[in-house]
Amino acid sequence: EELGCELPPADFEQSNWHMFQPLLPLDRMTIGRGEFIDRMKAKKIGVGVHYPAMHLFALYRSLGFRQGQYPAAEKIGRSTVTLPLYPAMTDADVDRVCQAVSEVLHPVIAR
């Protein structure tokens, strides 16, 4: 919260939490998502990207879909990252991932 990330809702009845995907506060960051991912990888934390805005794929553009039609999907597609956080992890590993996120984001968040 302090870093401005939007966290997934704590819905323990509907999600098995096989992936944890916060939305980065790109509008407040001095780096982009790609640089965030690179800095996390430099700390030996694998970060992925899932769920791009599908209507922007070439196939869907050829069917007439355009940027701006689904702004919520576009925001999620631009700013989501998949962090390696899942139920079977040790507390120490969870702490290591969270510490790395904090170390990467703190210096690049406009306050």
PDB file of N, CA and C in Angstrom:
ATOM      1  N   GLU A   1       0.837  -1.194   0.000  1.00  0.00           N
ATOM      2  CA  GLU A   1       0.000   0.000   0.000  1.00  0.00           C
ATOM      3  C   GLU A   1       0.874   1.247   0.000  1.00  0.00           C
ATOM      4  N   GLU A   2       1.876   1.281   0.860  1.00  0.00           N
ATOM      5  CA  GLU A   2       2.757   2.437   0.966  1.00  0.00           C
ATOM      6  C   GLU A   2       3.447   2.749  -0.362  1.00  0.00           C
ATOM      7  N   LEU A   3       3.712   1.722  -1.153  1.00  0.00           N
ATOM      8  CA  LEU A   3       4.391   1.912  -2.428  1.00  0.00           C
ATOM      9  C   LEU A   3       3.425   2.238  -3.555  1.00  0.00           C
ATOM     10  N   GLY A   4       2.138   2.194  -3.293  1.00  0.00           N
ATOM     11  CA  GLY A   4       1.155   2.552  -4.298  1.00  0.00           C
ATOM     12  C   GLY A   4       0.723   1.427  -5.213  1.00  0.00           C
ATOM     13  N   CYS A   5       1.144   0.210  -4.948  1.00  0.00           N
ATOM     14  CA  CYS A   5       0.715  -0.924  -5.774  1.00  0.00           C
ATOM     15  C   CYS A   5      -0.732  -1.274  -5.440  1.00  0.00           C
ATOM     16  N   GLU A   6      -1.490  -1.644  -6.458  1.00  0.00           N
ATOM     17  CA  GLU A   6      -2.832  -2.175  -6.224  1.00  0.00           C
ATOM     18  C   GLU A   6      -2.695  -3.680  -6.062  1.00  0.00           C
ATOM     19  N   LEU A   7      -3.127  -4.181  -4.921  1.00  0.00           N
ATOM     20  CA  LEU A   7      -3.004  -5.606  -4.639  1.00  0.00           C
ATOM     21  C   LEU A   7      -4.284  -6.332  -5.018  1.00  0.00           C
ATOM     22  N   PRO A   8      -4.172  -7.605  -5.363  1.00  0.00           N
ATOM     23  CA  PRO A   8      -5.382  -8.382  -5.644  1.00  0.00           C
ATOM     24  C   PRO A   8      -6.251  -8.453  -4.392  1.00  0.00           C
ATOM     25  N   PRO A   9      -7.573  -8.568  -4.559  1.00  0.00           N
ATOM     26  CA  PRO A   9      -8.442  -8.697  -3.383  1.00  0.00           C
ATOM     27  C   PRO A   9      -8.149  -9.995  -2.638  1.00  0.00           C
ATOM     28  N   ALA A  10      -8.272  -9.947  -1.334  1.00  0.00           N
ATOM     29  CA  ALA A  10      -8.030 -11.133  -0.500  1.00  0.00           C
ATOM     30  C   ALA A  10      -9.271 -12.017  -0.528  1.00  0.00           C
ATOM     31  N   ASP A  11      -9.460 -12.714  -1.615  1.00  0.00           N
ATOM     32  CA  ASP A  11     -10.632 -13.563  -1.825  1.00  0.00           C
ATOM     33  C   ASP A  11     -10.201 -15.021  -1.708  1.00  0.00           C
ATOM     34  N   PHE A  12     -10.169 -15.516  -0.495  1.00  0.00           N
ATOM     35  CA  PHE A  12      -9.633 -16.853  -0.254  1.00  0.00           C
ATOM     36  C   PHE A  12     -10.607 -17.965  -0.637  1.00  0.00           C
ATOM     37  N   GLU A  13     -11.861 -17.619  -0.923  1.00  0.00           N
ATOM     38  CA  GLU A  13     -12.825 -18.631  -1.345  1.00  0.00           C
ATOM     39  C   GLU A  13     -12.821 -18.827  -2.853  1.00  0.00           C
ATOM     40  N   GLN A  14     -12.362 -17.842  -3.615  1.00  0.00           N
ATOM     41  CA  GLN A  14     -12.428 -17.894  -5.068  1.00  0.00           C
ATOM     42  C   GLN A  14     -11.076 -18.105  -5.743  1.00  0.00           C
ATOM     43  N   SER A  15      -9.979 -17.871  -5.034  1.00  0.00           N
ATOM     44  CA  SER A  15      -8.656 -17.946  -5.659  1.00  0.00           C
ATOM     45  C   SER A  15      -7.793 -19.004  -4.984  1.00  0.00           C
ATOM     46  N   ASN A  16      -7.016 -19.711  -5.787  1.00  0.00           N
ATOM     47  CA  ASN A  16      -6.054 -20.649  -5.203  1.00  0.00           C
ATOM     48  C   ASN A  16      -4.675 -20.010  -5.073  1.00  0.00           C
ATOM     49  N   TRP A  17      -4.546 -18.753  -5.478  1.00  0.00           N
ATOM     50  CA  TRP A  17      -3.323 -17.965  -5.335  1.00  0.00           C
ATOM     51  C   TRP A  17      -2.116 -18.641  -5.976  1.00  0.00           C
ATOM     52  N   HIS A  18      -2.311 -19.240  -7.138  1.00  0.00           N
ATOM     53  CA  HIS A  18      -1.170 -19.845  -7.828  1.00  0.00           C
ATOM     54  C   HIS A  18      -0.284 -18.772  -8.459  1.00  0.00           C
ATOM     55  N   MET A  19      -0.806 -17.554  -8.566  1.00  0.00           N
ATOM     56  CA  MET A  19      -0.011 -16.403  -9.028  1.00  0.00           C
ATOM     57  C   MET A  19      -0.427 -15.193  -8.199  1.00  0.00           C
ATOM     58  N   PHE A  20       0.520 -14.307  -7.953  1.00  0.00           N
ATOM     59  CA  PHE A  20       0.221 -13.068  -7.229  1.00  0.00           C
ATOM     60  C   PHE A  20       0.588 -11.916  -8.146  1.00  0.00           C
ATOM     61  N   GLN A  21      -0.396 -11.091  -8.476  1.00  0.00           N
ATOM     62  CA  GLN A  21      -0.205 -10.071  -9.502  1.00  0.00           C
ATOM     63  C   GLN A  21      -0.656  -8.687  -9.055  1.00  0.00           C
ATOM     64  N   PRO A  22       0.245  -7.928  -8.456  1.00  0.00           N
ATOM     65  CA  PRO A  22      -0.104  -6.538  -8.158  1.00  0.00           C
ATOM     66  C   PRO A  22      -0.014  -5.685  -9.424  1.00  0.00           C
ATOM     67  N   LEU A  23      -0.668  -4.538  -9.378  1.00  0.00           N
ATOM     68  CA  LEU A  23      -0.541  -3.554 -10.450  1.00  0.00           C
ATOM     69  C   LEU A  23       0.466  -2.509  -9.995  1.00  0.00           C
ATOM     70  N   LEU A  24       1.495  -2.292 -10.781  1.00  0.00           N
ATOM     71  CA  LEU A  24       2.506  -1.294 -10.446  1.00  0.00           C
ATOM     72  C   LEU A  24       1.924   0.108 -10.611  1.00  0.00           C
ATOM     73  N   PRO A  25       2.325   1.042  -9.748  1.00  0.00           N
ATOM     74  CA  PRO A  25       1.853   2.422  -9.875  1.00  0.00           C
ATOM     75  C   PRO A  25       2.677   3.182 -10.927  1.00  0.00           C
ATOM     76  N   LEU A  26       2.555   2.784 -12.174  1.00  0.00           N
ATOM     77  CA  LEU A  26       3.408   3.330 -13.238  1.00  0.00           C
ATOM     78  C   LEU A  26       3.325   4.841 -13.344  1.00  0.00           C
ATOM     79  N   ASP A  27       2.163   5.414 -13.018  1.00  0.00           N
ATOM     80  CA  ASP A  27       2.014   6.867 -13.103  1.00  0.00           C
ATOM     81  C   ASP A  27       2.846   7.598 -12.056  1.00  0.00           C
ATOM     82  N   ARG A  28       3.314   6.890 -11.031  1.00  0.00           N
ATOM     83  CA  ARG A  28       4.146   7.498  -9.985  1.00  0.00           C
ATOM     84  C   ARG A  28       5.595   7.031 -10.038  1.00  0.00           C
ATOM     85  N   MET A  29       5.909   6.140 -10.967  1.00  0.00           N
ATOM     86  CA  MET A  29       7.255   5.565 -11.036  1.00  0.00           C
ATOM     87  C   MET A  29       8.112   6.296 -12.063  1.00  0.00           C
ATOM     88  N   THR A  30       9.399   6.382 -11.780  1.00  0.00           N
ATOM     89  CA  THR A  30      10.332   7.004 -12.727  1.00  0.00           C
ATOM     90  C   THR A  30      10.953   5.975 -13.663  1.00  0.00           C
ATOM     91  N   ILE A  31      10.552   4.717 -13.518  1.00  0.00           N
ATOM     92  CA  ILE A  31      10.978   3.661 -14.439  1.00  0.00           C
ATOM     93  C   ILE A  31       9.725   2.954 -14.951  1.00  0.00           C
ATOM     94  N   GLY A  32       9.853   2.238 -16.036  1.00  0.00           N
ATOM     95  CA  GLY A  32       8.737   1.475 -16.575  1.00  0.00           C
ATOM     96  C   GLY A  32       8.720   0.057 -16.034  1.00  0.00           C
ATOM     97  N   ARG A  33       7.714  -0.671 -16.456  1.00  0.00           N
ATOM     98  CA  ARG A  33       7.572  -2.053 -16.000  1.00  0.00           C
ATOM     99  C   ARG A  33       8.769  -2.903 -16.419  1.00  0.00           C
ATOM    100  N   GLY A  34       9.261  -2.723 -17.631  1.00  0.00           N
ATOM    101  CA  GLY A  34      10.404  -3.505 -18.095  1.00  0.00           C
ATOM    102  C   GLY A  34      11.629  -3.313 -17.222  1.00  0.00           C
ATOM    103  N   GLU A  35      11.885  -2.073 -16.836  1.00  0.00           N
ATOM    104  CA  GLU A  35      13.029  -1.795 -15.956  1.00  0.00           C
ATOM    105  C   GLU A  35      12.791  -2.383 -14.565  1.00  0.00           C
ATOM    106  N   PHE A  36      11.558  -2.314 -14.075  1.00  0.00           N
ATOM    107  CA  PHE A  36      11.232  -2.950 -12.790  1.00  0.00           C
ATOM    108  C   PHE A  36      11.572  -4.437 -12.848  1.00  0.00           C
ATOM    109  N   ILE A  37      11.147  -5.094 -13.915  1.00  0.00           N
ATOM    110  CA  ILE A  37      11.407  -6.526 -14.075  1.00  0.00           C
ATOM    111  C   ILE A  37      12.905  -6.793 -14.134  1.00  0.00           C
ATOM    112  N   ASP A  38      13.640  -5.983 -14.890  1.00  0.00           N
ATOM    113  CA  ASP A  38      15.093  -6.161 -14.982  1.00  0.00           C
ATOM    114  C   ASP A  38      15.759  -6.018 -13.621  1.00  0.00           C
ATOM    115  N   ARG A  39      15.327  -5.034 -12.840  1.00  0.00           N
ATOM    116  CA  ARG A  39      15.929  -4.819 -11.516  1.00  0.00           C
ATOM    117  C   ARG A  39      15.585  -5.963 -10.555  1.00  0.00           C
ATOM    118  N   MET A  40      14.387  -6.489 -10.679  1.00  0.00           N
ATOM    119  CA  MET A  40      14.024  -7.643  -9.848  1.00  0.00           C
ATOM    120  C   MET A  40      14.860  -8.858 -10.244  1.00  0.00           C
ATOM    121  N   LYS A  41      15.039  -9.067 -11.531  1.00  0.00           N
ATOM    122  CA  LYS A  41      15.852 -10.199 -11.995  1.00  0.00           C
ATOM    123  C   LYS A  41      17.298 -10.056 -11.539  1.00  0.00           C
ATOM    124  N   ALA A  42      17.801  -8.817 -11.477  1.00  0.00           N
ATOM    125  CA  ALA A  42      19.156  -8.585 -10.977  1.00  0.00           C
ATOM    126  C   ALA A  42      19.271  -8.996  -9.510  1.00  0.00           C
ATOM    127  N   LYS A  43      18.149  -8.998  -8.802  1.00  0.00           N
ATOM    128  CA  LYS A  43      18.116  -9.443  -7.407  1.00  0.00           C
ATOM    129  C   LYS A  43      17.752 -10.932  -7.304  1.00  0.00           C
ATOM    130  N   LYS A  44      17.787 -11.614  -8.446  1.00  0.00           N
ATOM    131  CA  LYS A  44      17.501 -13.055  -8.513  1.00  0.00           C
ATOM    132  C   LYS A  44      16.043 -13.384  -8.170  1.00  0.00           C
ATOM    133  N   ILE A  45      15.143 -12.473  -8.534  1.00  0.00           N
ATOM    134  CA  ILE A  45      13.709 -12.688  -8.354  1.00  0.00           C
ATOM    135  C   ILE A  45      13.076 -12.726  -9.741  1.00  0.00           C
ATOM    136  N   GLY A  46      12.553 -13.862 -10.116  1.00  0.00           N
ATOM    137  CA  GLY A  46      11.885 -13.976 -11.407  1.00  0.00           C
ATOM    138  C   GLY A  46      10.529 -13.293 -11.370  1.00  0.00           C
ATOM    139  N   VAL A  47      10.271 -12.455 -12.348  1.00  0.00           N
ATOM    140  CA  VAL A  47       9.003 -11.731 -12.448  1.00  0.00           C
ATOM    141  C   VAL A  47       8.441 -11.983 -13.839  1.00  0.00           C
ATOM    142  N   GLY A  48       7.160 -12.242 -13.905  1.00  0.00           N
ATOM    143  CA  GLY A  48       6.531 -12.490 -15.197  1.00  0.00           C
ATOM    144  C   GLY A  48       5.492 -11.447 -15.529  1.00  0.00           C
ATOM    145  N   VAL A  49       4.965 -11.561 -16.730  1.00  0.00           N
ATOM    146  CA  VAL A  49       3.868 -10.702 -17.177  1.00  0.00           C
ATOM    147  C   VAL A  49       2.793 -11.620 -17.745  1.00  0.00           C
ATOM    148  N   HIS A  50       1.609 -11.512 -17.208  1.00  0.00           N
ATOM    149  CA  HIS A  50       0.464 -12.279 -17.697  1.00  0.00           C
ATOM    150  C   HIS A  50      -0.661 -11.301 -18.023  1.00  0.00           C
ATOM    151  N   TYR A  51      -1.593 -11.777 -18.772  1.00  0.00           N
ATOM    152  CA  TYR A  51      -2.832 -11.063 -19.055  1.00  0.00           C
ATOM    153  C   TYR A  51      -2.654  -9.720 -19.758  1.00  0.00           C
ATOM    154  N   PRO A  52      -1.988  -9.709 -20.901  1.00  0.00           N
ATOM    155  CA  PRO A  52      -1.983  -8.475 -21.696  1.00  0.00           C
ATOM    156  C   PRO A  52      -3.398  -8.216 -22.211  1.00  0.00           C
ATOM    157  N   ALA A  53      -3.652  -7.004 -22.616  1.00  0.00           N
ATOM    158  CA  ALA A  53      -4.969  -6.651 -23.154  1.00  0.00           C
ATOM    159  C   ALA A  53      -5.143  -7.345 -24.507  1.00  0.00           C
ATOM    160  N   MET A  54      -5.952  -8.368 -24.535  1.00  0.00           N
ATOM    161  CA  MET A  54      -6.069  -9.215 -25.726  1.00  0.00           C
ATOM    162  C   MET A  54      -6.618  -8.479 -26.940  1.00  0.00           C
ATOM    163  N   HIS A  55      -7.451  -7.472 -26.721  1.00  0.00           N
ATOM    164  CA  HIS A  55      -8.029  -6.777 -27.873  1.00  0.00           C
ATOM    165  C   HIS A  55      -6.981  -5.994 -28.658  1.00  0.00           C
ATOM    166  N   LEU A  56      -5.766  -5.872 -28.088  1.00  0.00           N
ATOM    167  CA  LEU A  56      -4.684  -5.175 -28.789  1.00  0.00           C
ATOM    168  C   LEU A  56      -3.787  -6.131 -29.572  1.00  0.00           C
ATOM    169  N   PHE A  57      -4.027  -7.430 -29.492  1.00  0.00           N
ATOM    170  CA  PHE A  57      -3.285  -8.390 -30.315  1.00  0.00           C
ATOM    171  C   PHE A  57      -3.628  -8.156 -31.784  1.00  0.00           C
ATOM    172  N   ALA A  58      -2.691  -8.479 -32.654  1.00  0.00           N
ATOM    173  CA  ALA A  58      -2.879  -8.251 -34.096  1.00  0.00           C
ATOM    174  C   ALA A  58      -4.166  -8.893 -34.614  1.00  0.00           C
ATOM    175  N   LEU A  59      -4.456 -10.100 -34.182  1.00  0.00           N
ATOM    176  CA  LEU A  59      -5.663 -10.783 -34.648  1.00  0.00           C
ATOM    177  C   LEU A  59      -6.913  -9.966 -34.333  1.00  0.00           C
ATOM    178  N   TYR A  60      -7.010  -9.490 -33.106  1.00  0.00           N
ATOM    179  CA  TYR A  60      -8.202  -8.743 -32.708  1.00  0.00           C
ATOM    180  C   TYR A  60      -8.240  -7.355 -33.343  1.00  0.00           C
ATOM    181  N   ARG A  61      -7.073  -6.749 -33.537  1.00  0.00           N
ATOM    182  CA  ARG A  61      -7.039  -5.466 -34.254  1.00  0.00           C
ATOM    183  C   ARG A  61      -7.563  -5.656 -35.674  1.00  0.00           C
ATOM    184  N   SER A  62      -7.229  -6.792 -36.286  1.00  0.00           N
ATOM    185  CA  SER A  62      -7.710  -7.050 -37.650  1.00  0.00           C
ATOM    186  C   SER A  62      -9.230  -7.222 -37.686  1.00  0.00           C
ATOM    187  N   LEU A  63      -9.812  -7.502 -36.530  1.00  0.00           N
ATOM    188  CA  LEU A  63     -11.268  -7.638 -36.436  1.00  0.00           C
ATOM    189  C   LEU A  63     -11.947  -6.326 -36.035  1.00  0.00           C
ATOM    190  N   GLY A  64     -11.137  -5.267 -35.898  1.00  0.00           N
ATOM    191  CA  GLY A  64     -11.703  -3.953 -35.620  1.00  0.00           C
ATOM    192  C   GLY A  64     -11.562  -3.444 -34.202  1.00  0.00           C
ATOM    193  N   PHE A  65     -10.973  -4.227 -33.326  1.00  0.00           N
ATOM    194  CA  PHE A  65     -10.771  -3.750 -31.958  1.00  0.00           C
ATOM    195  C   PHE A  65      -9.654  -2.713 -31.945  1.00  0.00           C
ATOM    196  N   ARG A  66      -9.794  -1.694 -31.105  1.00  0.00           N
ATOM    197  CA  ARG A  66      -8.834  -0.595 -31.073  1.00  0.00           C
ATOM    198  C   ARG A  66      -8.471  -0.227 -29.633  1.00  0.00           C
ATOM    199  N   GLN A  67      -7.310   0.408 -29.512  1.00  0.00           N
ATOM    200  CA  GLN A  67      -6.881   0.936 -28.225  1.00  0.00           C
ATOM    201  C   GLN A  67      -7.908   1.948 -27.750  1.00  0.00           C
ATOM    202  N   GLY A  68      -8.186   1.923 -26.449  1.00  0.00           N
ATOM    203  CA  GLY A  68      -9.144   2.844 -25.863  1.00  0.00           C
ATOM    204  C   GLY A  68     -10.524   2.246 -25.661  1.00  0.00           C
ATOM    205  N   GLN A  69     -10.799   1.123 -26.285  1.00  0.00           N
ATOM    206  CA  GLN A  69     -12.121   0.508 -26.142  1.00  0.00           C
ATOM    207  C   GLN A  69     -12.324  -0.124 -24.761  1.00  0.00           C
ATOM    208  N   TYR A  70     -11.260  -0.617 -24.186  1.00  0.00           N
ATOM    209  CA  TYR A  70     -11.345  -1.301 -22.895  1.00  0.00           C
ATOM    210  C   TYR A  70     -10.247  -0.761 -21.975  1.00  0.00           C
ATOM    211  N   PRO A  71     -10.438   0.453 -21.439  1.00  0.00           N
ATOM    212  CA  PRO A  71      -9.366   1.088 -20.663  1.00  0.00           C
ATOM    213  C   PRO A  71      -8.947   0.306 -19.417  1.00  0.00           C
ATOM    214  N   ALA A  72      -9.869  -0.366 -18.761  1.00  0.00           N
ATOM    215  CA  ALA A  72      -9.485  -1.137 -17.570  1.00  0.00           C
ATOM    216  C   ALA A  72      -8.566  -2.294 -17.957  1.00  0.00           C
ATOM    217  N   ALA A  73      -8.900  -2.993 -19.031  1.00  0.00           N
ATOM    218  CA  ALA A  73      -8.048  -4.092 -19.500  1.00  0.00           C
ATOM    219  C   ALA A  73      -6.682  -3.569 -19.923  1.00  0.00           C
ATOM    220  N   GLU A  74      -6.663  -2.395 -20.549  1.00  0.00           N
ATOM    221  CA  GLU A  74      -5.393  -1.816 -20.989  1.00  0.00           C
ATOM    222  C   GLU A  74      -4.529  -1.421 -19.799  1.00  0.00           C
ATOM    223  N   LYS A  75      -5.137  -0.864 -18.747  1.00  0.00           N
ATOM    224  CA  LYS A  75      -4.371  -0.506 -17.547  1.00  0.00           C
ATOM    225  C   LYS A  75      -3.765  -1.760 -16.921  1.00  0.00           C
ATOM    226  N   ILE A  76      -4.571  -2.800 -16.791  1.00  0.00           N
ATOM    227  CA  ILE A  76      -4.070  -4.050 -16.210  1.00  0.00           C
ATOM    228  C   ILE A  76      -2.974  -4.631 -17.093  1.00  0.00           C
ATOM    229  N   GLY A  77      -3.184  -4.632 -18.395  1.00  0.00           N
ATOM    230  CA  GLY A  77      -2.188  -5.163 -19.320  1.00  0.00           C
ATOM    231  C   GLY A  77      -0.860  -4.432 -19.258  1.00  0.00           C
ATOM    232  N   ARG A  78      -0.922  -3.123 -19.015  1.00  0.00           N
ATOM    233  CA  ARG A  78       0.298  -2.303 -18.936  1.00  0.00           C
ATOM    234  C   ARG A  78       1.027  -2.446 -17.613  1.00  0.00           C
ATOM    235  N   SER A  79       0.287  -2.597 -16.526  1.00  0.00           N
ATOM    236  CA  SER A  79       0.905  -2.419 -15.214  1.00  0.00           C
ATOM    237  C   SER A  79       0.991  -3.673 -14.348  1.00  0.00           C
ATOM    238  N   THR A  80       0.449  -4.782 -14.797  1.00  0.00           N
ATOM    239  CA  THR A  80       0.504  -5.983 -13.967  1.00  0.00           C
ATOM    240  C   THR A  80       1.862  -6.678 -14.077  1.00  0.00           C
ATOM    241  N   VAL A  81       2.284  -7.230 -12.965  1.00  0.00           N
ATOM    242  CA  VAL A  81       3.455  -8.110 -12.936  1.00  0.00           C
ATOM    243  C   VAL A  81       3.076  -9.334 -12.108  1.00  0.00           C
ATOM    244  N   THR A  82       3.672 -10.451 -12.426  1.00  0.00           N
ATOM    245  CA  THR A  82       3.434 -11.673 -11.665  1.00  0.00           C
ATOM    246  C   THR A  82       4.650 -11.925 -10.787  1.00  0.00           C
ATOM    247  N   LEU A  83       4.438 -11.846  -9.489  1.00  0.00           N
ATOM    248  CA  LEU A  83       5.516 -12.080  -8.530  1.00  0.00           C
ATOM    249  C   LEU A  83       5.508 -13.547  -8.102  1.00  0.00           C
ATOM    250  N   PRO A  84       6.675 -14.088  -7.806  1.00  0.00           N
ATOM    251  CA  PRO A  84       6.752 -15.484  -7.377  1.00  0.00           C
ATOM    252  C   PRO A  84       6.342 -15.626  -5.908  1.00  0.00           C
ATOM    253  N   LEU A  85       5.053 -15.470  -5.662  1.00  0.00           N
ATOM    254  CA  LEU A  85       4.489 -15.631  -4.324  1.00  0.00           C
ATOM    255  C   LEU A  85       3.338 -16.622  -4.423  1.00  0.00           C
ATOM    256  N   TYR A  86       3.424 -17.691  -3.652  1.00  0.00           N
ATOM    257  CA  TYR A  86       2.392 -18.720  -3.711  1.00  0.00           C
ATOM    258  C   TYR A  86       2.379 -19.466  -2.377  1.00  0.00           C
ATOM    259  N   PRO A  87       1.317 -20.179  -2.072  1.00  0.00           N
ATOM    260  CA  PRO A  87       1.133 -20.749  -0.736  1.00  0.00           C
ATOM    261  C   PRO A  87       2.241 -21.673  -0.245  1.00  0.00           C
ATOM    262  N   ALA A  88       2.903 -22.404  -1.113  1.00  0.00           N
ATOM    263  CA  ALA A  88       3.904 -23.376  -0.663  1.00  0.00           C
ATOM    264  C   ALA A  88       5.253 -22.749  -0.315  1.00  0.00           C
ATOM    265  N   MET A  89       5.407 -21.465  -0.504  1.00  0.00           N
ATOM    266  CA  MET A  89       6.691 -20.815  -0.220  1.00  0.00           C
ATOM    267  C   MET A  89       6.938 -20.716   1.279  1.00  0.00           C
ATOM    268  N   THR A  90       8.201 -20.714   1.647  1.00  0.00           N
ATOM    269  CA  THR A  90       8.552 -20.474   3.043  1.00  0.00           C
ATOM    270  C   THR A  90       8.370 -18.988   3.344  1.00  0.00           C
ATOM    271  N   ASP A  91       8.190 -18.678   4.609  1.00  0.00           N
ATOM    272  CA  ASP A  91       8.075 -17.277   5.010  1.00  0.00           C
ATOM    273  C   ASP A  91       9.333 -16.500   4.632  1.00  0.00           C
ATOM    274  N   ALA A  92      10.487 -17.138   4.742  1.00  0.00           N
ATOM    275  CA  ALA A  92      11.746 -16.466   4.400  1.00  0.00           C
ATOM    276  C   ALA A  92      11.787 -16.100   2.920  1.00  0.00           C
ATOM    277  N   ASP A  93      11.304 -16.989   2.058  1.00  0.00           N
ATOM    278  CA  ASP A  93      11.282 -16.680   0.625  1.00  0.00           C
ATOM    279  C   ASP A  93      10.287 -15.568   0.312  1.00  0.00           C
ATOM    280  N   VAL A  94       9.131 -15.594   0.966  1.00  0.00           N
ATOM    281  CA  VAL A  94       8.154 -14.515   0.783  1.00  0.00           C
ATOM    282  C   VAL A  94       8.778 -13.187   1.206  1.00  0.00           C
ATOM    283  N   ASP A  95       9.444 -13.181   2.349  1.00  0.00           N
ATOM    284  CA  ASP A  95      10.097 -11.959   2.832  1.00  0.00           C
ATOM    285  C   ASP A  95      11.150 -11.466   1.845  1.00  0.00           C
ATOM    286  N   ARG A  96      11.890 -12.390   1.247  1.00  0.00           N
ATOM    287  CA  ARG A  96      12.935 -12.001   0.285  1.00  0.00           C
ATOM    288  C   ARG A  96      12.322 -11.330  -0.941  1.00  0.00           C
ATOM    289  N   VAL A  97      11.214 -11.864  -1.450  1.00  0.00           N
ATOM    290  CA  VAL A  97      10.542 -11.260  -2.606  1.00  0.00           C
ATOM    291  C   VAL A  97      10.004  -9.881  -2.231  1.00  0.00           C
ATOM    292  N   CYS A  98       9.341  -9.792  -1.090  1.00  0.00           N
ATOM    293  CA  CYS A  98       8.769  -8.510  -0.662  1.00  0.00           C
ATOM    294  C   CYS A  98       9.857  -7.465  -0.427  1.00  0.00           C
ATOM    295  N   GLN A  99      10.965  -7.869   0.150  1.00  0.00           N
ATOM    296  CA  GLN A  99      12.081  -6.951   0.368  1.00  0.00           C
ATOM    297  C   GLN A  99      12.633  -6.450  -0.961  1.00  0.00           C
ATOM    298  N   ALA A 100      12.759  -7.327  -1.935  1.00  0.00           N
ATOM    299  CA  ALA A 100      13.260  -6.923  -3.253  1.00  0.00           C
ATOM    300  C   ALA A 100      12.313  -5.928  -3.916  1.00  0.00           C
ATOM    301  N   VAL A 101      11.004  -6.173  -3.831  1.00  0.00           N
ATOM    302  CA  VAL A 101      10.030  -5.224  -4.396  1.00  0.00           C
ATOM    303  C   VAL A 101      10.202  -3.863  -3.741  1.00  0.00           C
ATOM    304  N   SER A 102      10.316  -3.850  -2.438  1.00  0.00           N
ATOM    305  CA  SER A 102      10.494  -2.595  -1.706  1.00  0.00           C
ATOM    306  C   SER A 102      11.780  -1.885  -2.120  1.00  0.00           C
ATOM    307  N   GLU A 103      12.877  -2.629  -2.216  1.00  0.00           N
ATOM    308  CA  GLU A 103      14.159  -2.031  -2.601  1.00  0.00           C
ATOM    309  C   GLU A 103      14.128  -1.470  -4.018  1.00  0.00           C
ATOM    310  N   VAL A 104      13.393  -2.113  -4.909  1.00  0.00           N
ATOM    311  CA  VAL A 104      13.308  -1.619  -6.287  1.00  0.00           C
ATOM    312  C   VAL A 104      12.379  -0.412  -6.366  1.00  0.00           C
ATOM    313  N   LEU A 105      11.239  -0.473  -5.694  1.00  0.00           N
ATOM    314  CA  LEU A 105      10.246   0.594  -5.848  1.00  0.00           C
ATOM    315  C   LEU A 105      10.536   1.854  -5.040  1.00  0.00           C
ATOM    316  N   HIS A 106      11.027   1.718  -3.818  1.00  0.00           N
ATOM    317  CA  HIS A 106      11.224   2.908  -2.978  1.00  0.00           C
ATOM    318  C   HIS A 106      11.983   4.028  -3.684  1.00  0.00           C
ATOM    319  N   PRO A 107      13.108   3.756  -4.331  1.00  0.00           N
ATOM    320  CA  PRO A 107      13.846   4.865  -4.954  1.00  0.00           C
ATOM    321  C   PRO A 107      13.188   5.434  -6.212  1.00  0.00           C
ATOM    322  N   VAL A 108      12.207   4.750  -6.776  1.00  0.00           N
ATOM    323  CA  VAL A 108      11.659   5.200  -8.064  1.00  0.00           C
ATOM    324  C   VAL A 108      10.213   5.683  -7.973  1.00  0.00           C
ATOM    325  N   ILE A 109       9.685   5.795  -6.758  1.00  0.00           N
ATOM    326  CA  ILE A 109       8.315   6.279  -6.571  1.00  0.00           C
ATOM    327  C   ILE A 109       8.366   7.774  -6.291  1.00  0.00           C
ATOM    328  N   ALA A 110       7.646   8.536  -7.096  1.00  0.00           N
ATOM    329  CA  ALA A 110       7.540   9.977  -6.855  1.00  0.00           C
ATOM    330  C   ALA A 110       6.641  10.183  -5.638  1.00  0.00           C
ATOM    331  N   ARG A 111       7.118  10.963  -4.719  1.00  0.00           N
ATOM    332  CA  ARG A 111       6.342  11.199  -3.485  1.00  0.00           C
ATOM    333  C   ARG A 111       5.750  12.579  -3.484  1.00  0.00           C
TER     334      ARG A 111
END
